[in-house]
Amino acid sequence: MLVKYKQRTGYFMNFLADPKKSIIKAYKQLNAETQISFKGIYLVDKKGNIAWRYLSKEKTDNPPVELVLQAIDENILAPLQAPAGS
């Protein structure tokens, strides 16, 4: 589903590796018991601001794909397509 979405919109995603867990700790996404990060999905706009996020607190907690695609449309693509000054 994401492959078709990426082809249709021309959107690409970047992924971040954090082997020292410094970013995970800064965003309070480290599970203290397991020392494994909770899952987080962050959409970052062109200015570097977090436009939307989904933070899991359980190992099996995943957002519906439709929710993520809607967030991309509303928070990333729509502002890019808006006329200047709006």
N, C-alpha and C. Protein backbone atom coordinates (compact mmCIF):
# COMPACT_ATOMS: atom_id res chain seq x y z
N MET A 1 0.82 -1.19 0.00
CA MET A 1 0.00 0.00 0.00
C MET A 1 0.88 1.26 0.00
N LEU A 2 1.92 1.29 0.80
CA LEU A 2 2.79 2.46 0.85
C LEU A 2 3.56 2.66 -0.45
N VAL A 3 3.92 1.56 -1.13
CA VAL A 3 4.64 1.67 -2.40
C VAL A 3 3.78 2.40 -3.41
N LYS A 4 2.51 2.01 -3.52
CA LYS A 4 1.60 2.67 -4.46
C LYS A 4 1.41 4.14 -4.07
N TYR A 5 1.29 4.41 -2.78
CA TYR A 5 1.13 5.79 -2.31
C TYR A 5 2.35 6.63 -2.67
N LYS A 6 3.53 6.08 -2.45
CA LYS A 6 4.75 6.80 -2.77
C LYS A 6 4.86 7.07 -4.27
N GLN A 7 4.46 6.09 -5.09
CA GLN A 7 4.50 6.28 -6.54
C GLN A 7 3.50 7.35 -6.97
N ARG A 8 2.31 7.32 -6.39
CA ARG A 8 1.26 8.26 -6.76
C ARG A 8 1.63 9.69 -6.38
N THR A 9 2.23 9.88 -5.23
CA THR A 9 2.51 11.23 -4.72
C THR A 9 3.93 11.70 -4.96
N GLY A 10 4.83 10.78 -5.26
CA GLY A 10 6.23 11.15 -5.39
C GLY A 10 6.89 11.38 -4.05
N TYR A 11 6.21 10.99 -2.97
CA TYR A 11 6.72 11.20 -1.61
C TYR A 11 7.79 10.17 -1.28
N PHE A 12 8.76 10.55 -0.48
CA PHE A 12 9.77 9.62 -0.01
C PHE A 12 9.89 9.75 1.50
N MET A 13 10.40 8.72 2.13
CA MET A 13 10.56 8.73 3.58
C MET A 13 12.03 8.54 3.92
N ASN A 14 12.45 9.19 4.98
CA ASN A 14 13.79 8.99 5.50
C ASN A 14 13.68 8.23 6.81
N PHE A 15 14.66 7.41 7.10
CA PHE A 15 14.68 6.65 8.33
C PHE A 15 15.91 7.05 9.13
N LEU A 16 15.82 6.89 10.42
CA LEU A 16 16.88 7.33 11.32
C LEU A 16 17.36 6.16 12.16
N ALA A 17 18.65 5.93 12.18
CA ALA A 17 19.25 4.93 13.07
C ALA A 17 19.79 5.65 14.29
N ASP A 18 19.58 5.07 15.46
CA ASP A 18 19.99 5.71 16.71
C ASP A 18 20.66 4.67 17.62
N PRO A 19 21.81 4.14 17.21
CA PRO A 19 22.44 3.07 17.99
C PRO A 19 22.83 3.45 19.41
N LYS A 20 23.09 4.74 19.67
CA LYS A 20 23.44 5.17 21.03
C LYS A 20 22.22 5.56 21.85
N LYS A 21 21.04 5.51 21.22
CA LYS A 21 19.76 5.79 21.88
C LYS A 21 19.61 7.22 22.38
N SER A 22 20.42 8.13 21.89
CA SER A 22 20.34 9.52 22.38
C SER A 22 19.04 10.21 21.94
N ILE A 23 18.61 9.97 20.72
CA ILE A 23 17.36 10.58 20.25
C ILE A 23 16.17 9.91 20.91
N ILE A 24 16.24 8.59 21.03
CA ILE A 24 15.17 7.84 21.69
C ILE A 24 14.96 8.36 23.11
N LYS A 25 16.04 8.59 23.81
CA LYS A 25 15.95 9.11 25.19
C LYS A 25 15.41 10.54 25.20
N ALA A 26 15.85 11.36 24.26
CA ALA A 26 15.40 12.76 24.21
C ALA A 26 13.89 12.85 24.00
N TYR A 27 13.34 11.93 23.23
CA TYR A 27 11.90 11.93 22.98
C TYR A 27 11.14 11.02 23.94
N LYS A 28 11.85 10.55 24.98
CA LYS A 28 11.24 9.71 26.02
C LYS A 28 10.54 8.49 25.42
N GLN A 29 11.23 7.83 24.50
CA GLN A 29 10.70 6.65 23.84
C GLN A 29 11.43 5.38 24.25
N LEU A 30 12.24 5.44 25.29
CA LEU A 30 12.99 4.27 25.73
C LEU A 30 12.23 3.55 26.83
N ASN A 31 11.97 2.28 26.62
CA ASN A 31 11.34 1.45 27.64
C ASN A 31 12.40 1.12 28.68
N ALA A 32 12.24 1.59 29.89
CA ALA A 32 13.24 1.43 30.94
C ALA A 32 13.48 -0.04 31.29
N GLU A 33 12.45 -0.86 31.21
CA GLU A 33 12.60 -2.28 31.56
C GLU A 33 13.40 -3.04 30.52
N THR A 34 13.08 -2.85 29.25
CA THR A 34 13.70 -3.64 28.19
C THR A 34 14.88 -2.95 27.52
N GLN A 35 15.03 -1.64 27.74
CA GLN A 35 16.05 -0.83 27.06
C GLN A 35 15.88 -0.84 25.54
N ILE A 36 14.66 -1.08 25.11
CA ILE A 36 14.29 -1.05 23.69
C ILE A 36 13.33 0.11 23.52
N SER A 37 13.43 0.78 22.40
CA SER A 37 12.57 1.94 22.19
C SER A 37 11.14 1.52 21.88
N PHE A 38 10.21 2.36 22.32
CA PHE A 38 8.84 2.24 21.86
C PHE A 38 8.85 2.71 20.41
N LYS A 39 7.90 2.24 19.63
CA LYS A 39 7.83 2.69 18.25
C LYS A 39 7.26 4.09 18.19
N GLY A 40 7.82 4.87 17.30
CA GLY A 40 7.31 6.22 17.06
C GLY A 40 7.36 6.53 15.59
N ILE A 41 6.33 7.18 15.11
CA ILE A 41 6.31 7.65 13.74
C ILE A 41 6.21 9.17 13.80
N TYR A 42 7.16 9.83 13.18
CA TYR A 42 7.20 11.29 13.18
C TYR A 42 7.15 11.77 11.74
N LEU A 43 6.30 12.74 11.48
CA LEU A 43 6.30 13.42 10.19
C LEU A 43 6.90 14.79 10.43
N VAL A 44 7.96 15.09 9.70
CA VAL A 44 8.69 16.33 9.88
C VAL A 44 8.48 17.19 8.63
N ASP A 45 8.07 18.43 8.82
CA ASP A 45 7.82 19.30 7.67
C ASP A 45 9.12 19.86 7.11
N LYS A 46 9.02 20.62 6.04
CA LYS A 46 10.20 21.15 5.37
C LYS A 46 11.03 22.07 6.26
N LYS A 47 10.42 22.66 7.27
CA LYS A 47 11.12 23.55 8.18
C LYS A 47 11.79 22.80 9.32
N GLY A 48 11.59 21.48 9.38
CA GLY A 48 12.18 20.68 10.44
C GLY A 48 11.32 20.53 11.68
N ASN A 49 10.08 21.00 11.61
CA ASN A 49 9.16 20.88 12.75
C ASN A 49 8.41 19.56 12.69
N ILE A 50 8.13 19.01 13.86
CA ILE A 50 7.31 17.80 13.90
C ILE A 50 5.87 18.21 13.60
N ALA A 51 5.36 17.73 12.47
CA ALA A 51 4.01 18.09 12.03
C ALA A 51 2.97 17.12 12.58
N TRP A 52 3.38 15.89 12.87
CA TRP A 52 2.47 14.87 13.39
C TRP A 52 3.32 13.76 13.98
N ARG A 53 2.78 13.09 14.99
CA ARG A 53 3.50 11.94 15.54
C ARG A 53 2.53 10.92 16.09
N TYR A 54 2.99 9.70 16.12
CA TYR A 54 2.26 8.60 16.72
C TYR A 54 3.26 7.87 17.60
N LEU A 55 2.97 7.78 18.89
CA LEU A 55 3.87 7.14 19.83
C LEU A 55 3.20 5.91 20.42
N SER A 56 3.85 4.77 20.28
CA SER A 56 3.30 3.55 20.85
C SER A 56 3.81 3.37 22.27
N LYS A 57 3.03 2.70 23.08
CA LYS A 57 3.45 2.37 24.44
C LYS A 57 3.47 0.86 24.68
N GLU A 58 3.03 0.12 23.68
CA GLU A 58 3.02 -1.34 23.76
C GLU A 58 3.73 -1.90 22.54
N LYS A 59 4.30 -3.07 22.68
CA LYS A 59 5.04 -3.70 21.59
C LYS A 59 4.16 -3.94 20.36
N THR A 60 2.90 -4.23 20.58
CA THR A 60 2.00 -4.55 19.47
C THR A 60 1.18 -3.37 18.98
N ASP A 61 1.42 -2.19 19.53
CA ASP A 61 0.66 -1.00 19.18
C ASP A 61 1.16 -0.41 17.86
N ASN A 62 0.36 -0.50 16.83
CA ASN A 62 0.68 0.06 15.53
C ASN A 62 -0.50 0.90 15.04
N PRO A 63 -0.23 2.06 14.46
CA PRO A 63 -1.34 2.84 13.93
C PRO A 63 -1.86 2.21 12.64
N PRO A 64 -3.12 2.39 12.36
CA PRO A 64 -3.62 1.92 11.06
C PRO A 64 -2.91 2.67 9.93
N VAL A 65 -2.59 1.98 8.87
CA VAL A 65 -1.91 2.60 7.73
C VAL A 65 -2.69 3.80 7.22
N GLU A 66 -4.01 3.67 7.21
CA GLU A 66 -4.86 4.76 6.72
C GLU A 66 -4.65 6.03 7.55
N LEU A 67 -4.46 5.88 8.86
CA LEU A 67 -4.23 7.03 9.74
C LEU A 67 -2.92 7.74 9.37
N VAL A 68 -1.89 6.96 9.11
CA VAL A 68 -0.59 7.53 8.75
C VAL A 68 -0.68 8.23 7.39
N LEU A 69 -1.33 7.58 6.43
CA LEU A 69 -1.48 8.19 5.10
C LEU A 69 -2.28 9.48 5.17
N GLN A 70 -3.32 9.50 5.99
CA GLN A 70 -4.12 10.71 6.17
C GLN A 70 -3.26 11.82 6.79
N ALA A 71 -2.44 11.46 7.76
CA ALA A 71 -1.56 12.45 8.41
C ALA A 71 -0.56 13.01 7.40
N ILE A 72 -0.04 12.17 6.52
CA ILE A 72 0.89 12.64 5.49
C ILE A 72 0.17 13.62 4.56
N ASP A 73 -1.02 13.23 4.13
CA ASP A 73 -1.80 14.10 3.23
C ASP A 73 -2.08 15.46 3.87
N GLU A 74 -2.54 15.45 5.12
CA GLU A 74 -2.97 16.68 5.78
C GLU A 74 -1.83 17.55 6.28
N ASN A 75 -0.75 16.93 6.74
CA ASN A 75 0.31 17.69 7.40
C ASN A 75 1.55 17.94 6.55
N ILE A 76 1.73 17.16 5.52
CA ILE A 76 2.92 17.31 4.69
C ILE A 76 2.55 17.73 3.27
N LEU A 77 1.70 16.97 2.61
CA LEU A 77 1.39 17.26 1.21
C LEU A 77 0.50 18.48 1.03
N ALA A 78 -0.55 18.61 1.82
CA ALA A 78 -1.48 19.74 1.66
C ALA A 78 -0.78 21.09 1.81
N PRO A 79 0.06 21.29 2.83
CA PRO A 79 0.76 22.58 2.93
C PRO A 79 1.68 22.84 1.74
N LEU A 80 2.24 21.80 1.16
CA LEU A 80 3.13 21.97 0.00
C LEU A 80 2.35 22.42 -1.23
N GLN A 81 1.08 21.99 -1.30
CA GLN A 81 0.26 22.30 -2.48
C GLN A 81 -0.57 23.56 -2.30
N ALA A 82 -0.56 24.14 -1.13
CA ALA A 82 -1.34 25.37 -0.87
C ALA A 82 -0.72 26.55 -1.62
N PRO A 83 -1.56 27.44 -2.11
CA PRO A 83 -1.03 28.64 -2.78
C PRO A 83 -0.18 29.47 -1.80
N ALA A 84 0.79 30.14 -2.31
CA ALA A 84 1.68 30.97 -1.48
C ALA A 84 0.85 32.04 -0.74
N GLY A 85 1.18 32.24 0.53
CA GLY A 85 0.50 33.23 1.34
C GLY A 85 -0.77 32.75 2.00
N SER A 86 -1.13 31.46 1.82
CA SER A 86 -2.36 30.97 2.47
C SER A 86 -2.06 30.24 3.74
